């Protein structure tokens, strides 16, 4: 997993990739794998009522 994360981070620094993203009008705001893990872990701590409300909002 670390290899994939490192490759992803390196891609985001690649000048050719950044130029292509700019040409495609892509707005990049990357989040690291570690940050995503923390976010997902936080979701598992939500109460069922909050999960239900979020589900309704996102429909």
Protein backbone atom coordinates (compact mmCIF):
# COMPACT_ATOMS: atom_id res chain seq x y z
CA UNK A 1 0.00 0.00 0.00
CA UNK A 2 2.85 2.37 0.81
CA UNK A 3 4.23 1.87 -2.69
CA UNK A 4 0.93 2.93 -4.25
CA UNK A 5 0.64 5.93 -1.95
CA UNK A 6 4.16 7.04 -2.77
CA UNK A 7 3.54 6.64 -6.51
CA UNK A 8 0.34 8.68 -6.23
CA UNK A 9 2.14 11.48 -4.37
CA UNK A 10 4.95 11.50 -6.93
CA UNK A 11 2.44 11.67 -9.78
CA UNK A 12 0.94 14.78 -8.22
CA UNK A 13 4.36 16.42 -8.39
CA UNK A 14 5.03 15.44 -12.00
CA UNK A 15 5.16 18.54 -14.25
CA UNK A 16 3.72 16.68 -17.26
CA UNK A 17 0.81 15.35 -15.22
CA UNK A 18 0.12 18.79 -13.77
CA UNK A 19 0.18 20.36 -17.24
CA UNK A 20 -2.27 17.78 -18.60
CA UNK A 21 -4.55 18.31 -15.61
CA UNK A 22 -4.45 22.05 -16.24
CA UNK A 23 -5.30 21.57 -19.93
CA UNK A 24 -8.25 19.39 -18.91
CA UNK A 25 -9.40 22.08 -16.45
CA UNK A 26 -9.04 19.64 -13.56
CA UNK A 27 -8.83 21.16 -10.12
CA UNK A 28 -6.52 19.05 -7.99
CA UNK A 29 -6.86 19.03 -4.22
CA UNK A 30 -5.31 15.70 -3.25
CA UNK A 31 -5.70 14.09 0.14
CA UNK A 32 -3.15 11.58 1.41
CA UNK A 33 -4.06 7.97 2.08
CA UNK A 34 -3.42 8.51 5.77
CA UNK A 35 -5.88 11.41 5.86
CA UNK A 36 -8.53 9.36 4.07
CA UNK A 37 -8.05 6.53 6.58
CA UNK A 38 -8.70 8.98 9.43
CA UNK A 39 -11.83 10.32 7.73
CA UNK A 40 -13.22 6.84 7.11
CA UNK A 41 -12.43 5.78 10.68
CA UNK A 42 -14.37 8.80 11.90
CA UNK A 43 -17.44 7.71 9.95
CA UNK A 44 -17.50 4.40 11.78
CA UNK A 45 -17.90 6.30 15.05
CA UNK A 46 -21.06 8.16 13.98
CA UNK A 47 -24.31 7.31 15.68
CA UNK A 48 -27.00 5.55 13.62
CA UNK A 49 -29.16 8.69 13.80
CA UNK A 50 -26.43 10.83 12.26
CA UNK A 51 -25.78 8.23 9.57
CA UNK A 52 -29.50 8.19 8.70
CA UNK A 53 -29.65 11.99 8.51
CA UNK A 54 -26.54 12.18 6.31
CA UNK A 55 -27.99 9.49 4.06
CA UNK A 56 -31.18 11.53 3.64
CA UNK A 57 -29.22 14.70 2.88
CA UNK A 58 -27.07 12.97 0.26
CA UNK A 59 -30.02 11.53 -1.69
